Each structure stands twice: as structure tokens, then as C-alpha cells.
PDB file of N, CA and C in Angstrom:
ATOM      1  N   MET A   1       0.851  -1.179   0.000  1.00  0.00           N
ATOM      2  CA  MET A   1       0.000   0.000   0.000  1.00  0.00           C
ATOM      3  C   MET A   1       0.894   1.237   0.000  1.00  0.00           C
ATOM      4  N   ILE A   2       0.510   2.214  -0.817  1.00  0.00           N
ATOM      5  CA  ILE A   2       1.254   3.478  -0.836  1.00  0.00           C
ATOM      6  C   ILE A   2       0.319   4.633  -0.484  1.00  0.00           C
ATOM      7  N   THR A   3       0.906   5.660   0.044  1.00  0.00           N
ATOM      8  CA  THR A   3       0.174   6.893   0.340  1.00  0.00           C
ATOM      9  C   THR A   3       0.629   7.936  -0.664  1.00  0.00           C
ATOM     10  N   ARG A   4      -0.332   8.659  -1.191  1.00  0.00           N
ATOM     11  CA  ARG A   4      -0.042   9.725  -2.161  1.00  0.00           C
ATOM     12  C   ARG A   4      -0.500  11.039  -1.549  1.00  0.00           C
ATOM     13  N   ILE A   5       0.403  11.996  -1.467  1.00  0.00           N
ATOM     14  CA  ILE A   5       0.085  13.339  -0.985  1.00  0.00           C
ATOM     15  C   ILE A   5       0.358  14.307  -2.121  1.00  0.00           C
ATOM     16  N   VAL A   6      -0.639  15.115  -2.437  1.00  0.00           N
ATOM     17  CA  VAL A   6      -0.491  16.104  -3.500  1.00  0.00           C
ATOM     18  C   VAL A   6      -0.834  17.468  -2.916  1.00  0.00           C
ATOM     19  N   GLN A   7       0.079  18.409  -3.073  1.00  0.00           N
ATOM     20  CA  GLN A   7      -0.128  19.783  -2.600  1.00  0.00           C
ATOM     21  C   GLN A   7      -0.514  20.659  -3.777  1.00  0.00           C
ATOM     22  N   LEU A   8      -1.627  21.364  -3.618  1.00  0.00           N
ATOM     23  CA  LEU A   8      -2.142  22.260  -4.642  1.00  0.00           C
ATOM     24  C   LEU A   8      -2.349  23.632  -4.021  1.00  0.00           C
ATOM     25  N   GLU A   9      -1.934  24.657  -4.722  1.00  0.00           N
ATOM     26  CA  GLU A   9      -2.184  26.009  -4.236  1.00  0.00           C
ATOM     27  C   GLU A   9      -2.988  26.756  -5.288  1.00  0.00           C
ATOM     28  N   PHE A  10      -4.129  27.292  -4.842  1.00  0.00           N
ATOM     29  CA  PHE A  10      -5.075  27.925  -5.742  1.00  0.00           C
ATOM     30  C   PHE A  10      -5.059  29.439  -5.607  1.00  0.00           C
ATOM     31  N   GLU A  11      -5.440  30.098  -6.681  1.00  0.00           N
ATOM     32  CA  GLU A  11      -5.673  31.534  -6.617  1.00  0.00           C
ATOM     33  C   GLU A  11      -6.812  31.764  -5.624  1.00  0.00           C
ATOM     34  N   ALA A  12      -6.710  32.805  -4.820  1.00  0.00           N
ATOM     35  CA  ALA A  12      -7.685  33.049  -3.748  1.00  0.00           C
ATOM     36  C   ALA A  12      -9.118  33.106  -4.271  1.00  0.00           C
ATOM     37  N   GLU A  13      -9.310  33.718  -5.429  1.00  0.00           N
ATOM     38  CA  GLU A  13     -10.665  33.852  -5.963  1.00  0.00           C
ATOM     39  C   GLU A  13     -11.209  32.540  -6.528  1.00  0.00           C
ATOM     40  N   ARG A  14     -10.394  31.496  -6.591  1.00  0.00           N
ATOM     41  CA  ARG A  14     -10.813  30.204  -7.149  1.00  0.00           C
ATOM     42  C   ARG A  14     -11.035  29.121  -6.091  1.00  0.00           C
ATOM     43  N   ILE A  15     -10.672  29.395  -4.839  1.00  0.00           N
ATOM     44  CA  ILE A  15     -10.709  28.326  -3.840  1.00  0.00           C
ATOM     45  C   ILE A  15     -12.121  27.809  -3.598  1.00  0.00           C
ATOM     46  N   GLN A  16     -13.102  28.670  -3.518  1.00  0.00           N
ATOM     47  CA  GLN A  16     -14.473  28.202  -3.295  1.00  0.00           C
ATOM     48  C   GLN A  16     -14.981  27.425  -4.498  1.00  0.00           C
ATOM     49  N   GLU A  17     -14.600  27.866  -5.686  1.00  0.00           N
ATOM     50  CA  GLU A  17     -14.965  27.145  -6.912  1.00  0.00           C
ATOM     51  C   GLU A  17     -14.359  25.740  -6.900  1.00  0.00           C
ATOM     52  N   PHE A  18     -13.097  25.643  -6.461  1.00  0.00           N
ATOM     53  CA  PHE A  18     -12.465  24.336  -6.375  1.00  0.00           C
ATOM     54  C   PHE A  18     -13.198  23.441  -5.375  1.00  0.00           C
ATOM     55  N   LEU A  19     -13.477  23.962  -4.180  1.00  0.00           N
ATOM     56  CA  LEU A  19     -14.142  23.150  -3.159  1.00  0.00           C
ATOM     57  C   LEU A  19     -15.515  22.670  -3.634  1.00  0.00           C
ATOM     58  N   SER A  20     -16.238  23.527  -4.318  1.00  0.00           N
ATOM     59  CA  SER A  20     -17.542  23.122  -4.872  1.00  0.00           C
ATOM     60  C   SER A  20     -17.359  22.043  -5.937  1.00  0.00           C
ATOM     61  N   PHE A  21     -16.362  22.215  -6.789  1.00  0.00           N
ATOM     62  CA  PHE A  21     -16.071  21.210  -7.813  1.00  0.00           C
ATOM     63  C   PHE A  21     -15.665  19.896  -7.163  1.00  0.00           C
ATOM     64  N   PHE A  22     -14.839  19.968  -6.138  1.00  0.00           N
ATOM     65  CA  PHE A  22     -14.389  18.761  -5.449  1.00  0.00           C
ATOM     66  C   PHE A  22     -15.577  17.961  -4.914  1.00  0.00           C
ATOM     67  N   ASP A  23     -16.577  18.650  -4.400  1.00  0.00           N
ATOM     68  CA  ASP A  23     -17.768  17.964  -3.888  1.00  0.00           C
ATOM     69  C   ASP A  23     -18.457  17.130  -4.962  1.00  0.00           C
ATOM     70  N   THR A  24     -18.261  17.472  -6.218  1.00  0.00           N
ATOM     71  CA  THR A  24     -18.902  16.730  -7.305  1.00  0.00           C
ATOM     72  C   THR A  24     -18.072  15.543  -7.795  1.00  0.00           C
ATOM     73  N   ILE A  25     -16.790  15.490  -7.449  1.00  0.00           N
ATOM     74  CA  ILE A  25     -15.921  14.431  -7.986  1.00  0.00           C
ATOM     75  C   ILE A  25     -15.262  13.566  -6.908  1.00  0.00           C
ATOM     76  N   ASN A  26     -15.440  13.902  -5.644  1.00  0.00           N
ATOM     77  CA  ASN A  26     -14.689  13.186  -4.605  1.00  0.00           C
ATOM     78  C   ASN A  26     -14.992  11.687  -4.568  1.00  0.00           C
ATOM     79  N   GLU A  27     -16.241  11.292  -4.778  1.00  0.00           N
ATOM     80  CA  GLU A  27     -16.567   9.862  -4.755  1.00  0.00           C
ATOM     81  C   GLU A  27     -16.003   9.139  -5.972  1.00  0.00           C
ATOM     82  N   LEU A  28     -15.884   9.833  -7.088  1.00  0.00           N
ATOM     83  CA  LEU A  28     -15.283   9.245  -8.288  1.00  0.00           C
ATOM     84  C   LEU A  28     -13.852   8.813  -7.994  1.00  0.00           C
ATOM     85  N   VAL A  29     -13.107   9.681  -7.347  1.00  0.00           N
ATOM     86  CA  VAL A  29     -11.717   9.359  -7.005  1.00  0.00           C
ATOM     87  C   VAL A  29     -11.687   8.327  -5.887  1.00  0.00           C
ATOM     88  N   ASN A  30     -12.460   8.543  -4.851  1.00  0.00           N
ATOM     89  CA  ASN A  30     -12.454   7.671  -3.680  1.00  0.00           C
ATOM     90  C   ASN A  30     -12.812   6.223  -4.023  1.00  0.00           C
ATOM     91  N   SER A  31     -13.627   6.028  -5.052  1.00  0.00           N
ATOM     92  CA  SER A  31     -14.061   4.682  -5.414  1.00  0.00           C
ATOM     93  C   SER A  31     -13.316   4.119  -6.627  1.00  0.00           C
ATOM     94  N   PHE A  32     -12.272   4.817  -7.076  1.00  0.00           N
ATOM     95  CA  PHE A  32     -11.514   4.338  -8.227  1.00  0.00           C
ATOM     96  C   PHE A  32     -10.835   3.012  -7.860  1.00  0.00           C
ATOM     97  N   PRO A  33     -10.798   2.045  -8.796  1.00  0.00           N
ATOM     98  CA  PRO A  33     -10.144   0.758  -8.488  1.00  0.00           C
ATOM     99  C   PRO A  33      -8.728   0.946  -7.955  1.00  0.00           C
ATOM    100  N   GLY A  34      -8.452   0.308  -6.839  1.00  0.00           N
ATOM    101  CA  GLY A  34      -7.135   0.389  -6.215  1.00  0.00           C
ATOM    102  C   GLY A  34      -7.002   1.476  -5.174  1.00  0.00           C
ATOM    103  N   CYS A  35      -7.978   2.392  -5.108  1.00  0.00           N
ATOM    104  CA  CYS A  35      -7.938   3.454  -4.101  1.00  0.00           C
ATOM    105  C   CYS A  35      -8.622   2.964  -2.836  1.00  0.00           C
ATOM    106  N   HIS A  36      -7.927   3.053  -1.713  1.00  0.00           N
ATOM    107  CA  HIS A  36      -8.462   2.616  -0.428  1.00  0.00           C
ATOM    108  C   HIS A  36      -8.985   3.776   0.408  1.00  0.00           C
ATOM    109  N   GLY A  37      -9.078   4.953  -0.186  1.00  0.00           N
ATOM    110  CA  GLY A  37      -9.626   6.105   0.516  1.00  0.00           C
ATOM    111  C   GLY A  37      -8.819   7.360   0.259  1.00  0.00           C
ATOM    112  N   MET A  38      -9.510   8.473   0.443  1.00  0.00           N
ATOM    113  CA  MET A  38      -8.890   9.764   0.164  1.00  0.00           C
ATOM    114  C   MET A  38      -9.418  10.788   1.159  1.00  0.00           C
ATOM    115  N   LYS A  39      -8.574  11.739   1.485  1.00  0.00           N
ATOM    116  CA  LYS A  39      -8.968  12.888   2.303  1.00  0.00           C
ATOM    117  C   LYS A  39      -8.517  14.148   1.579  1.00  0.00           C
ATOM    118  N   LEU A  40      -9.235  15.218   1.829  1.00  0.00           N
ATOM    119  CA  LEU A  40      -8.832  16.527   1.321  1.00  0.00           C
ATOM    120  C   LEU A  40      -8.586  17.407   2.534  1.00  0.00           C
ATOM    121  N   TYR A  41      -7.422  18.015   2.585  1.00  0.00           N
ATOM    122  CA  TYR A  41      -7.060  18.904   3.677  1.00  0.00           C
ATOM    123  C   TYR A  41      -6.934  20.332   3.157  1.00  0.00           C
ATOM    124  N   GLN A  42      -7.331  21.277   4.006  1.00  0.00           N
ATOM    125  CA  GLN A  42      -7.169  22.706   3.695  1.00  0.00           C
ATOM    126  C   GLN A  42      -6.390  23.329   4.835  1.00  0.00           C
ATOM    127  N   ASP A  43      -5.330  24.036   4.511  1.00  0.00           N
ATOM    128  CA  ASP A  43      -4.478  24.652   5.518  1.00  0.00           C
ATOM    129  C   ASP A  43      -5.285  25.668   6.336  1.00  0.00           C
ATOM    130  N   ILE A  44      -5.137  25.634   7.651  1.00  0.00           N
ATOM    131  CA  ILE A  44      -5.924  26.526   8.510  1.00  0.00           C
ATOM    132  C   ILE A  44      -5.420  27.967   8.477  1.00  0.00           C
ATOM    133  N   ASN A  45      -4.160  28.175   8.137  1.00  0.00           N
ATOM    134  CA  ASN A  45      -3.618  29.528   8.083  1.00  0.00           C
ATOM    135  C   ASN A  45      -3.543  30.103   6.667  1.00  0.00           C
ATOM    136  N   LYS A  46      -3.551  29.233   5.700  1.00  0.00           N
ATOM    137  CA  LYS A  46      -3.476  29.651   4.300  1.00  0.00           C
ATOM    138  C   LYS A  46      -4.502  28.824   3.515  1.00  0.00           C
ATOM    139  N   PRO A  47      -5.770  29.236   3.522  1.00  0.00           N
ATOM    140  CA  PRO A  47      -6.843  28.410   2.968  1.00  0.00           C
ATOM    141  C   PRO A  47      -6.744  28.137   1.472  1.00  0.00           C
ATOM    142  N   THR A  48      -5.852  28.802   0.767  1.00  0.00           N
ATOM    143  CA  THR A  48      -5.663  28.511  -0.655  1.00  0.00           C
ATOM    144  C   THR A  48      -4.762  27.293  -0.875  1.00  0.00           C
ATOM    145  N   LEU A  49      -4.185  26.781   0.213  1.00  0.00           N
ATOM    146  CA  LEU A  49      -3.315  25.613   0.155  1.00  0.00           C
ATOM    147  C   LEU A  49      -4.127  24.370   0.496  1.00  0.00           C
ATOM    148  N   ILE A  50      -4.183  23.465  -0.465  1.00  0.00           N
ATOM    149  CA  ILE A  50      -4.971  22.237  -0.350  1.00  0.00           C
ATOM    150  C   ILE A  50      -4.043  21.048  -0.511  1.00  0.00           C
ATOM    151  N   MET A  51      -4.323  19.977   0.212  1.00  0.00           N
ATOM    152  CA  MET A  51      -3.579  18.741   0.032  1.00  0.00           C
ATOM    153  C   MET A  51      -4.553  17.581  -0.068  1.00  0.00           C
ATOM    154  N   THR A  52      -4.288  16.703  -1.039  1.00  0.00           N
ATOM    155  CA  THR A  52      -5.024  15.446  -1.078  1.00  0.00           C
ATOM    156  C   THR A  52      -4.129  14.385  -0.461  1.00  0.00           C
ATOM    157  N   TYR A  53      -4.765  13.480   0.233  1.00  0.00           N
ATOM    158  CA  TYR A  53      -4.088  12.397   0.931  1.00  0.00           C
ATOM    159  C   TYR A  53      -4.857  11.133   0.571  1.00  0.00           C
ATOM    160  N   SER A  54      -4.220  10.227  -0.155  1.00  0.00           N
ATOM    161  CA  SER A  54      -4.932   9.021  -0.583  1.00  0.00           C
ATOM    162  C   SER A  54      -4.067   7.788  -0.401  1.00  0.00           C
ATOM    163  N   HIS A  55      -4.741   6.654  -0.230  1.00  0.00           N
ATOM    164  CA  HIS A  55      -4.060   5.366  -0.108  1.00  0.00           C
ATOM    165  C   HIS A  55      -4.384   4.540  -1.344  1.00  0.00           C
ATOM    166  N   TRP A  56      -3.350   3.948  -1.928  1.00  0.00           N
ATOM    167  CA  TRP A  56      -3.491   3.147  -3.142  1.00  0.00           C
ATOM    168  C   TRP A  56      -2.893   1.771  -2.903  1.00  0.00           C
ATOM    169  N   GLU A  57      -3.505   0.777  -3.503  1.00  0.00           N
ATOM    170  CA  GLU A  57      -3.013  -0.599  -3.350  1.00  0.00           C
ATOM    171  C   GLU A  57      -1.548  -0.691  -3.770  1.00  0.00           C
ATOM    172  N   ASP A  58      -1.219  -0.120  -4.921  1.00  0.00           N
ATOM    173  CA  ASP A  58       0.164  -0.108  -5.377  1.00  0.00           C
ATOM    174  C   ASP A  58       0.336   0.982  -6.432  1.00  0.00           C
ATOM    175  N   GLU A  59       1.569   1.139  -6.894  1.00  0.00           N
ATOM    176  CA  GLU A  59       1.869   2.204  -7.847  1.00  0.00           C
ATOM    177  C   GLU A  59       1.128   2.036  -9.172  1.00  0.00           C
ATOM    178  N   SER A  60       0.884   0.794  -9.577  1.00  0.00           N
ATOM    179  CA  SER A  60       0.181   0.587 -10.849  1.00  0.00           C
ATOM    180  C   SER A  60      -1.262   1.082 -10.765  1.00  0.00           C
ATOM    181  N   ASP A  61      -1.910   0.928  -9.614  1.00  0.00           N
ATOM    182  CA  ASP A  61      -3.270   1.454  -9.455  1.00  0.00           C
ATOM    183  C   ASP A  61      -3.274   2.977  -9.508  1.00  0.00           C
ATOM    184  N   LEU A  62      -2.306   3.598  -8.855  1.00  0.00           N
ATOM    185  CA  LEU A  62      -2.191   5.053  -8.906  1.00  0.00           C
ATOM    186  C   LEU A  62      -1.934   5.512 -10.341  1.00  0.00           C
ATOM    187  N   GLU A  63      -1.061   4.813 -11.030  1.00  0.00           N
ATOM    188  CA  GLU A  63      -0.747   5.178 -12.411  1.00  0.00           C
ATOM    189  C   GLU A  63      -1.965   4.991 -13.323  1.00  0.00           C
ATOM    190  N   ASN A  64      -2.746   3.944 -13.097  1.00  0.00           N
ATOM    191  CA  ASN A  64      -3.979   3.753 -13.870  1.00  0.00           C
ATOM    192  C   ASN A  64      -4.934   4.918 -13.658  1.00  0.00           C
ATOM    193  N   TYR A  65      -5.025   5.384 -12.423  1.00  0.00           N
ATOM    194  CA  TYR A  65      -5.863   6.555 -12.145  1.00  0.00           C
ATOM    195  C   TYR A  65      -5.319   7.785 -12.879  1.00  0.00           C
ATOM    196  N   ARG A  66      -4.028   8.006 -12.796  1.00  0.00           N
ATOM    197  CA  ARG A  66      -3.421   9.192 -13.415  1.00  0.00           C
ATOM    198  C   ARG A  66      -3.581   9.192 -14.936  1.00  0.00           C
ATOM    199  N   LYS A  67      -3.716   8.015 -15.538  1.00  0.00           N
ATOM    200  CA  LYS A  67      -3.896   7.906 -16.986  1.00  0.00           C
ATOM    201  C   LYS A  67      -5.379   7.860 -17.387  1.00  0.00           C
ATOM    202  N   SER A  68      -6.265   7.852 -16.403  1.00  0.00           N
ATOM    203  CA  SER A  68      -7.695   7.683 -16.684  1.00  0.00           C
ATOM    204  C   SER A  68      -8.341   8.952 -17.232  1.00  0.00           C
ATOM    205  N   GLU A  69      -9.465   8.764 -17.902  1.00  0.00           N
ATOM    206  CA  GLU A  69     -10.250   9.900 -18.379  1.00  0.00           C
ATOM    207  C   GLU A  69     -10.736  10.740 -17.200  1.00  0.00           C
ATOM    208  N   ALA A  70     -11.062  10.070 -16.092  1.00  0.00           N
ATOM    209  CA  ALA A  70     -11.531  10.795 -14.904  1.00  0.00           C
ATOM    210  C   ALA A  70     -10.482  11.793 -14.437  1.00  0.00           C
ATOM    211  N   PHE A  71      -9.245  11.326 -14.276  1.00  0.00           N
ATOM    212  CA  PHE A  71      -8.177  12.218 -13.828  1.00  0.00           C
ATOM    213  C   PHE A  71      -7.937  13.328 -14.836  1.00  0.00           C
ATOM    214  N   GLN A  72      -7.892  12.978 -16.112  1.00  0.00           N
ATOM    215  CA  GLN A  72      -7.635  13.987 -17.146  1.00  0.00           C
ATOM    216  C   GLN A  72      -8.685  15.091 -17.115  1.00  0.00           C
ATOM    217  N   GLY A  73      -9.952  14.699 -16.906  1.00  0.00           N
ATOM    218  CA  GLY A  73     -11.027  15.692 -16.826  1.00  0.00           C
ATOM    219  C   GLY A  73     -10.911  16.580 -15.594  1.00  0.00           C
ATOM    220  N   ILE A  74     -10.586  15.968 -14.468  1.00  0.00           N
ATOM    221  CA  ILE A  74     -10.419  16.731 -13.227  1.00  0.00           C
ATOM    222  C   ILE A  74      -9.249  17.698 -13.369  1.00  0.00           C
ATOM    223  N   TRP A  75      -8.114  17.167 -13.815  1.00  0.00           N
ATOM    224  CA  TRP A  75      -6.891  17.976 -13.897  1.00  0.00           C
ATOM    225  C   TRP A  75      -7.061  19.139 -14.864  1.00  0.00           C
ATOM    226  N   SER A  76      -7.680  18.886 -16.004  1.00  0.00           N
ATOM    227  CA  SER A  76      -7.834  19.961 -16.989  1.00  0.00           C
ATOM    228  C   SER A  76      -8.768  21.060 -16.478  1.00  0.00           C
ATOM    229  N   THR A  77      -9.688  20.698 -15.583  1.00  0.00           N
ATOM    230  CA  THR A  77     -10.585  21.691 -14.994  1.00  0.00           C
ATOM    231  C   THR A  77      -9.864  22.550 -13.966  1.00  0.00           C
ATOM    232  N   ILE A  78      -9.093  21.923 -13.065  1.00  0.00           N
ATOM    233  CA  ILE A  78      -8.526  22.675 -11.944  1.00  0.00           C
ATOM    234  C   ILE A  78      -7.163  23.298 -12.232  1.00  0.00           C
ATOM    235  N   LYS A  79      -6.434  22.776 -13.189  1.00  0.00           N
ATOM    236  CA  LYS A  79      -5.079  23.278 -13.457  1.00  0.00           C
ATOM    237  C   LYS A  79      -5.023  24.788 -13.703  1.00  0.00           C
ATOM    238  N   PRO A  80      -5.965  25.385 -14.442  1.00  0.00           N
ATOM    239  CA  PRO A  80      -5.901  26.844 -14.643  1.00  0.00           C
ATOM    240  C   PRO A  80      -6.114  27.662 -13.364  1.00  0.00           C
ATOM    241  N   TRP A  81      -6.593  27.025 -12.316  1.00  0.00           N
ATOM    242  CA  TRP A  81      -6.884  27.732 -11.066  1.00  0.00           C
ATOM    243  C   TRP A  81      -5.677  27.803 -10.136  1.00  0.00           C
ATOM    244  N   PHE A  82      -4.580  27.098 -10.455  1.00  0.00           N
ATOM    245  CA  PHE A  82      -3.406  27.059  -9.586  1.00  0.00           C
ATOM    246  C   PHE A  82      -2.653  28.381  -9.631  1.00  0.00           C
ATOM    247  N   CYS A  83      -2.041  28.730  -8.501  1.00  0.00           N
ATOM    248  CA  CYS A  83      -1.155  29.891  -8.473  1.00  0.00           C
ATOM    249  C   CYS A  83       0.289  29.470  -8.212  1.00  0.00           C
ATOM    250  N   ALA A  84       0.504  28.168  -8.044  1.00  0.00           N
ATOM    251  CA  ALA A  84       1.855  27.627  -7.846  1.00  0.00           C
ATOM    252  C   ALA A  84       1.887  26.229  -8.448  1.00  0.00           C
ATOM    253  N   LYS A  85       3.077  25.778  -8.735  1.00  0.00           N
ATOM    254  CA  LYS A  85       3.240  24.449  -9.309  1.00  0.00           C
ATOM    255  C   LYS A  85       2.860  23.386  -8.268  1.00  0.00           C
ATOM    256  N   PRO A  86       2.015  22.421  -8.635  1.00  0.00           N
ATOM    257  CA  PRO A  86       1.660  21.345  -7.697  1.00  0.00           C
ATOM    258  C   PRO A  86       2.892  20.517  -7.326  1.00  0.00           C
ATOM    259  N   GLN A  87       2.833  19.946  -6.152  1.00  0.00           N
ATOM    260  CA  GLN A  87       3.885  19.043  -5.683  1.00  0.00           C
ATOM    261  C   GLN A  87       3.226  17.737  -5.275  1.00  0.00           C
ATOM    262  N   ALA A  88       3.916  16.620  -5.488  1.00  0.00           N
ATOM    263  CA  ALA A  88       3.335  15.324  -5.154  1.00  0.00           C
ATOM    264  C   ALA A  88       4.401  14.388  -4.607  1.00  0.00           C
ATOM    265  N   TRP A  89       3.969  13.531  -3.684  1.00  0.00           N
ATOM    266  CA  TRP A  89       4.844  12.536  -3.085  1.00  0.00           C
ATOM    267  C   TRP A  89       4.094  11.210  -3.021  1.00  0.00           C
ATOM    268  N   SER A  90       4.782  10.136  -3.364  1.00  0.00           N
ATOM    269  CA  SER A  90       4.272   8.778  -3.165  1.00  0.00           C
ATOM    270  C   SER A  90       5.126   8.159  -2.072  1.00  0.00           C
ATOM    271  N   LEU A  91       4.490   7.653  -1.021  1.00  0.00           N
ATOM    272  CA  LEU A  91       5.202   7.258   0.188  1.00  0.00           C
ATOM    273  C   LEU A  91       4.814   5.864   0.664  1.00  0.00           C
ATOM    274  N   ASN A  92       5.771   5.190   1.255  1.00  0.00           N
ATOM    275  CA  ASN A  92       5.502   3.960   1.986  1.00  0.00           C
ATOM    276  C   ASN A  92       5.540   4.306   3.465  1.00  0.00           C
ATOM    277  N   ALA A  93       4.632   3.743   4.235  1.00  0.00           N
ATOM    278  CA  ALA A  93       4.592   4.018   5.673  1.00  0.00           C
ATOM    279  C   ALA A  93       5.712   3.264   6.375  1.00  0.00           C
ATOM    280  N   TYR A  94       6.434   3.971   7.191  1.00  0.00           N
ATOM    281  CA  TYR A  94       7.457   3.358   8.037  1.00  0.00           C
ATOM    282  C   TYR A  94       6.847   2.981   9.382  1.00  0.00           C
ATOM    283  N   PHE A  95       5.947   3.828   9.874  1.00  0.00           N
ATOM    284  CA  PHE A  95       5.237   3.601  11.126  1.00  0.00           C
ATOM    285  C   PHE A  95       3.826   4.126  10.952  1.00  0.00           C
ATOM    286  N   ASP A  96       2.833   3.382  11.410  1.00  0.00           N
ATOM    287  CA  ASP A  96       1.441   3.799  11.288  1.00  0.00           C
ATOM    288  C   ASP A  96       0.781   3.777  12.663  1.00  0.00           C
ATOM    289  N   GLY A  97       0.921   4.873  13.370  1.00  0.00           N
ATOM    290  CA  GLY A  97       0.324   4.990  14.689  1.00  0.00           C
ATOM    291  C   GLY A  97      -1.193   5.086  14.659  1.00  0.00           C
ATOM    292  N   PHE A  98      -1.762   5.492  13.518  1.00  0.00           N
ATOM    293  CA  PHE A  98      -3.224   5.545  13.403  1.00  0.00           C
ATOM    294  C   PHE A  98      -3.809   4.145  13.515  1.00  0.00           C
ATOM    295  N   SER A  99      -3.254   3.198  12.764  1.00  0.00           N
ATOM    296  CA  SER A  99      -3.737   1.817  12.814  1.00  0.00           C
ATOM    297  C   SER A  99      -3.479   1.210  14.181  1.00  0.00           C
ATOM    298  N   LEU A 100      -2.321   1.475  14.739  1.00  0.00           N
ATOM    299  CA  LEU A 100      -1.978   0.956  16.056  1.00  0.00           C
ATOM    300  C   LEU A 100      -2.960   1.469  17.095  1.00  0.00           C
ATOM    301  N   LYS A 101      -3.323   2.748  17.019  1.00  0.00           N
ATOM    302  CA  LYS A 101      -4.268   3.334  17.962  1.00  0.00           C
ATOM    303  C   LYS A 101      -5.635   2.682  17.829  1.00  0.00           C
ATOM    304  N   LYS A 102      -6.102   2.411  16.596  1.00  0.00           N
ATOM    305  CA  LYS A 102      -7.392   1.769  16.388  1.00  0.00           C
ATOM    306  C   LYS A 102      -7.409   0.376  16.994  1.00  0.00           C
ATOM    307  N   ILE A 103      -6.339  -0.389  16.792  1.00  0.00           N
ATOM    308  CA  ILE A 103      -6.250  -1.740  17.348  1.00  0.00           C
ATOM    309  C   ILE A 103      -6.291  -1.680  18.864  1.00  0.00           C
ATOM    310  N   THR A 104      -5.535  -0.772  19.451  1.00  0.00           N
ATOM    311  CA  THR A 104      -5.509  -0.615  20.900  1.00  0.00           C
ATOM    312  C   THR A 104      -6.882  -0.236  21.433  1.00  0.00           C
ATOM    313  N   GLU A 105      -7.582   0.672  20.753  1.00  0.00           N
ATOM    314  CA  GLU A 105      -8.921   1.082  21.184  1.00  0.00           C
ATOM    315  C   GLU A 105      -9.914  -0.062  21.079  1.00  0.00           C
ATOM    316  N   LEU A 106      -9.821  -0.873  20.026  1.00  0.00           N
ATOM    317  CA  LEU A 106     -10.713  -2.022  19.879  1.00  0.00           C
ATOM    318  C   LEU A 106     -10.484  -3.034  20.988  1.00  0.00           C
ATOM    319  N   GLU A 107      -9.225  -3.335  21.255  1.00  0.00           N
ATOM    320  CA  GLU A 107      -8.905  -4.276  22.321  1.00  0.00           C
ATOM    321  C   GLU A 107      -9.370  -3.764  23.656  1.00  0.00           C
ATOM    322  N   SER A 108      -9.216  -2.488  23.897  1.00  0.00           N
ATOM    323  CA  SER A 108      -9.641  -1.868  25.136  1.00  0.00           C
ATOM    324  C   SER A 108     -11.155  -1.933  25.300  1.00  0.00           C
ATOM    325  N   SER A 109     -11.898  -1.721  24.235  1.00  0.00           N
ATOM    326  CA  SER A 109     -13.361  -1.741  24.321  1.00  0.00           C
ATOM    327  C   SER A 109     -13.900  -3.150  24.542  1.00  0.00           C
ATOM    328  N   LYS A 110     -13.171  -4.169  24.112  1.00  0.00           N
ATOM    329  CA  LYS A 110     -13.584  -5.565  24.287  1.00  0.00           C
ATOM    330  C   LYS A 110     -13.460  -6.000  25.734  1.00  0.00           C
ATOM    331  N   THR A 111     -12.521  -5.415  26.472  1.00  0.00           N
ATOM    332  CA  THR A 111     -12.285  -5.816  27.858  1.00  0.00           C
ATOM    333  C   THR A 111     -13.213  -5.089  28.831  1.00  0.00           C
ATOM    334  N   LYS A 112     -13.988  -4.134  28.347  1.00  0.00           N
ATOM    335  CA  LYS A 112     -14.884  -3.382  29.240  1.00  0.00           C
ATOM    336  C   LYS A 112     -16.189  -4.087  29.404  1.00  0.00           C
TER     337      LYS A 112
END
């Protein structure tokens, strides 16, 4: 499993348009084959800075998404709204405290 983080920075006058557009396509991405879930983050101090955070089964699934008509349509819509070059990282988890915390909480609730 890989994690993909993409940083996007939008022109201030386009951020609400992007968020509205995102509401129309988020399930398309979230349910794409090989995608195990996605989150959208907005910086609390700089609201024009957005990050997507998604989990993919493997690099080939991510690449299939990036080559898909869905991605091409999304990208061609939002690309003119950027005010900075997007940045992206594909990562393997070294430590996952989120999963560890869930397991600990489940075990704890079973003993009560």
C-alpha cells in the first residue's frame, strides 16, 4: 500500500470554486479501483493551500488513475486555477500509529 500526498495552491478567488467542484468528484476518485480512501485537507492559516491524501493498493493502481479519463477531466478543470506548481509525493509508511491506535482502542473496548 502506498500513500499519495499532493499539494495544490489555488488563486484566492478560485478556492471556493475548487471546493464546490471537489464535492462533485470526490466519490469518483475515492471509489476508483485500487484506491483505499482519500482525504482533502485545507491549511488553517493559508486556505488557498490544499492537500489530497490518498491510499493506493500499489503504484500501478495510482498510475492507472493518473492515466484515466476521470483524472484527465479533473486535472484539466482545476489546473488553470493554480497559483503555484503542484507538488506530489508517493510514500511507503514506516510507522502507522493511526492503525496501532485503532487496534488498541478495539482491544480496550472488548475488555470493558
